[in-house]
Amino acid sequence: MTTPLEDWSRLIARIEAEEDVIISYDDIPQILTRDEFTEKFDKIDSDRYVAMLDRIERRIDTLSLHAPL
């Protein structure tokens, strides 16, 4: 969203498939109950949860929509 409005058309032109804008959810948990979250990650500042957020961010960074113009 930091891309200037005049460059949006160039970004949109990169979208050819779902994989250009949506990351793979393989090995990323879907909606968890509070108990499931606690069992898997303990709390939101745990190393396990921070590592999962980092994994998600790294995947987002690989999307063609996020590559530099």
N, C-alpha and C. Protein backbone atom coordinates (compact mmCIF):
# COMPACT_ATOMS: atom_id res chain seq x y z
N MET A 1 0.81 -1.20 0.00
CA MET A 1 0.00 0.00 0.00
C MET A 1 0.86 1.26 0.00
N THR A 2 2.14 1.10 0.14
CA THR A 2 3.01 2.28 0.10
C THR A 2 3.35 2.70 -1.32
N THR A 3 2.96 1.88 -2.28
CA THR A 3 3.21 2.22 -3.68
C THR A 3 2.37 3.42 -4.08
N PRO A 4 2.98 4.42 -4.71
CA PRO A 4 2.20 5.59 -5.14
C PRO A 4 1.07 5.18 -6.08
N LEU A 5 -0.02 5.88 -5.99
CA LEU A 5 -1.21 5.57 -6.79
C LEU A 5 -0.90 5.46 -8.27
N GLU A 6 -0.02 6.29 -8.79
CA GLU A 6 0.28 6.25 -10.22
C GLU A 6 0.99 4.95 -10.64
N ASP A 7 1.52 4.19 -9.70
CA ASP A 7 2.19 2.92 -10.02
C ASP A 7 1.30 1.69 -9.81
N TRP A 8 0.10 1.90 -9.29
CA TRP A 8 -0.78 0.77 -9.00
C TRP A 8 -1.09 -0.05 -10.24
N SER A 9 -1.27 0.58 -11.38
CA SER A 9 -1.61 -0.18 -12.59
C SER A 9 -0.48 -1.16 -12.94
N ARG A 10 0.76 -0.78 -12.70
CA ARG A 10 1.89 -1.69 -12.94
C ARG A 10 1.85 -2.86 -11.97
N LEU A 11 1.48 -2.60 -10.73
CA LEU A 11 1.35 -3.70 -9.76
C LEU A 11 0.22 -4.64 -10.14
N ILE A 12 -0.93 -4.06 -10.48
CA ILE A 12 -2.09 -4.86 -10.84
C ILE A 12 -1.80 -5.73 -12.07
N ALA A 13 -1.00 -5.23 -12.97
CA ALA A 13 -0.66 -5.99 -14.18
C ALA A 13 0.12 -7.26 -13.84
N ARG A 14 0.74 -7.31 -12.68
CA ARG A 14 1.48 -8.51 -12.26
C ARG A 14 0.56 -9.66 -11.84
N ILE A 15 -0.69 -9.37 -11.58
CA ILE A 15 -1.61 -10.37 -11.07
C ILE A 15 -2.12 -11.22 -12.22
N GLU A 16 -1.65 -12.44 -12.27
CA GLU A 16 -2.09 -13.38 -13.31
C GLU A 16 -2.75 -14.61 -12.72
N ALA A 17 -2.46 -14.88 -11.45
CA ALA A 17 -3.01 -16.07 -10.81
C ALA A 17 -3.16 -15.81 -9.32
N GLU A 18 -3.94 -16.63 -8.68
CA GLU A 18 -4.17 -16.50 -7.24
C GLU A 18 -2.86 -16.49 -6.46
N GLU A 19 -1.89 -17.27 -6.92
CA GLU A 19 -0.61 -17.38 -6.24
C GLU A 19 0.20 -16.08 -6.27
N ASP A 20 -0.21 -15.13 -7.09
CA ASP A 20 0.47 -13.84 -7.15
C ASP A 20 0.09 -12.93 -5.99
N VAL A 21 -1.03 -13.25 -5.34
CA VAL A 21 -1.52 -12.38 -4.27
C VAL A 21 -1.84 -13.10 -2.97
N ILE A 22 -1.88 -14.44 -3.00
CA ILE A 22 -2.23 -15.21 -1.81
C ILE A 22 -1.13 -16.23 -1.55
N ILE A 23 -0.65 -16.25 -0.30
CA ILE A 23 0.41 -17.18 0.06
C ILE A 23 -0.14 -18.59 0.23
N SER A 24 0.75 -19.56 0.19
CA SER A 24 0.38 -20.93 0.50
C SER A 24 0.12 -21.05 2.00
N TYR A 25 -0.95 -21.74 2.34
CA TYR A 25 -1.28 -21.95 3.75
C TYR A 25 -0.75 -23.29 4.27
N ASP A 26 0.04 -23.98 3.46
CA ASP A 26 0.62 -25.24 3.92
C ASP A 26 1.41 -24.98 5.19
N ASP A 27 1.21 -25.79 6.19
CA ASP A 27 1.84 -25.75 7.51
C ASP A 27 1.66 -24.42 8.25
N ILE A 28 0.62 -23.67 7.90
CA ILE A 28 0.24 -22.48 8.65
C ILE A 28 -1.14 -22.76 9.23
N PRO A 29 -1.28 -22.67 10.55
CA PRO A 29 -2.57 -23.00 11.17
C PRO A 29 -3.69 -22.09 10.69
N GLN A 30 -4.85 -22.66 10.58
CA GLN A 30 -6.03 -21.88 10.24
C GLN A 30 -6.62 -21.35 11.55
N ILE A 31 -7.86 -21.00 11.57
CA ILE A 31 -8.49 -20.45 12.77
C ILE A 31 -8.39 -21.46 13.91
N LEU A 32 -7.88 -20.98 15.03
CA LEU A 32 -7.71 -21.82 16.21
C LEU A 32 -8.58 -21.30 17.34
N THR A 33 -9.08 -22.22 18.14
CA THR A 33 -9.75 -21.79 19.36
C THR A 33 -8.68 -21.28 20.32
N ARG A 34 -9.09 -20.62 21.37
CA ARG A 34 -8.13 -20.14 22.37
C ARG A 34 -7.32 -21.30 22.94
N ASP A 35 -7.98 -22.40 23.24
CA ASP A 35 -7.28 -23.56 23.79
C ASP A 35 -6.29 -24.15 22.78
N GLU A 36 -6.69 -24.23 21.52
CA GLU A 36 -5.78 -24.74 20.48
C GLU A 36 -4.57 -23.83 20.32
N PHE A 37 -4.82 -22.52 20.34
CA PHE A 37 -3.72 -21.57 20.23
C PHE A 37 -2.75 -21.74 21.39
N THR A 38 -3.29 -21.81 22.59
CA THR A 38 -2.46 -21.96 23.79
C THR A 38 -1.65 -23.24 23.73
N GLU A 39 -2.27 -24.32 23.27
CA GLU A 39 -1.57 -25.59 23.17
C GLU A 39 -0.43 -25.52 22.14
N LYS A 40 -0.68 -24.85 21.03
CA LYS A 40 0.30 -24.79 19.95
C LYS A 40 1.38 -23.75 20.18
N PHE A 41 0.99 -22.55 20.67
CA PHE A 41 1.93 -21.44 20.76
C PHE A 41 2.18 -20.92 22.17
N ASP A 42 1.32 -21.26 23.10
CA ASP A 42 1.38 -20.79 24.48
C ASP A 42 0.81 -19.38 24.58
N LYS A 43 1.55 -18.37 24.11
CA LYS A 43 1.06 -16.99 24.17
C LYS A 43 1.60 -16.21 22.98
N ILE A 44 1.08 -14.99 22.77
CA ILE A 44 1.41 -14.27 21.54
C ILE A 44 2.85 -13.77 21.49
N ASP A 45 3.54 -13.72 22.60
CA ASP A 45 4.93 -13.30 22.56
C ASP A 45 5.91 -14.47 22.69
N SER A 46 5.39 -15.67 22.49
CA SER A 46 6.26 -16.86 22.57
C SER A 46 7.13 -16.96 21.32
N ASP A 47 8.26 -17.61 21.48
CA ASP A 47 9.16 -17.81 20.33
C ASP A 47 8.47 -18.58 19.21
N ARG A 48 7.63 -19.54 19.56
CA ARG A 48 6.93 -20.33 18.53
C ARG A 48 5.98 -19.48 17.71
N TYR A 49 5.27 -18.57 18.37
CA TYR A 49 4.32 -17.72 17.64
C TYR A 49 5.07 -16.68 16.81
N VAL A 50 6.10 -16.09 17.36
CA VAL A 50 6.90 -15.12 16.61
C VAL A 50 7.51 -15.79 15.38
N ALA A 51 7.96 -17.04 15.51
CA ALA A 51 8.51 -17.77 14.36
C ALA A 51 7.44 -18.01 13.30
N MET A 52 6.21 -18.29 13.71
CA MET A 52 5.12 -18.49 12.75
C MET A 52 4.81 -17.19 12.03
N LEU A 53 4.76 -16.08 12.74
CA LEU A 53 4.53 -14.79 12.10
C LEU A 53 5.64 -14.47 11.10
N ASP A 54 6.87 -14.80 11.46
CA ASP A 54 8.00 -14.58 10.56
C ASP A 54 7.86 -15.44 9.30
N ARG A 55 7.43 -16.69 9.46
CA ARG A 55 7.22 -17.57 8.30
C ARG A 55 6.17 -16.97 7.36
N ILE A 56 5.09 -16.47 7.93
CA ILE A 56 4.03 -15.86 7.12
C ILE A 56 4.55 -14.62 6.40
N GLU A 57 5.26 -13.75 7.11
CA GLU A 57 5.81 -12.54 6.50
C GLU A 57 6.78 -12.86 5.37
N ARG A 58 7.62 -13.87 5.55
CA ARG A 58 8.56 -14.25 4.50
C ARG A 58 7.81 -14.74 3.26
N ARG A 59 6.73 -15.47 3.45
CA ARG A 59 5.93 -15.92 2.30
C ARG A 59 5.29 -14.74 1.59
N ILE A 60 4.77 -13.81 2.35
CA ILE A 60 4.17 -12.62 1.74
C ILE A 60 5.20 -11.87 0.91
N ASP A 61 6.41 -11.77 1.43
CA ASP A 61 7.47 -11.06 0.72
C ASP A 61 7.82 -11.69 -0.62
N THR A 62 7.51 -12.97 -0.81
CA THR A 62 7.84 -13.64 -2.08
C THR A 62 6.77 -13.45 -3.16
N LEU A 63 5.61 -12.90 -2.79
CA LEU A 63 4.55 -12.71 -3.77
C LEU A 63 4.98 -11.69 -4.83
N SER A 64 4.62 -11.97 -6.08
CA SER A 64 5.00 -11.06 -7.15
C SER A 64 4.42 -9.67 -6.95
N LEU A 65 3.29 -9.58 -6.29
CA LEU A 65 2.69 -8.29 -6.02
C LEU A 65 3.58 -7.43 -5.11
N HIS A 66 4.44 -8.07 -4.33
CA HIS A 66 5.28 -7.33 -3.38
C HIS A 66 6.71 -7.12 -3.90
N ALA A 67 7.03 -7.62 -5.05
CA ALA A 67 8.37 -7.41 -5.61
C ALA A 67 8.54 -5.94 -5.99
N PRO A 68 9.75 -5.43 -5.86
CA PRO A 68 9.96 -4.02 -6.23
C PRO A 68 9.61 -3.77 -7.69
N LEU A 69 9.12 -2.59 -7.98
CA LEU A 69 8.81 -2.21 -9.36
C LEU A 69 10.08 -1.95 -10.13
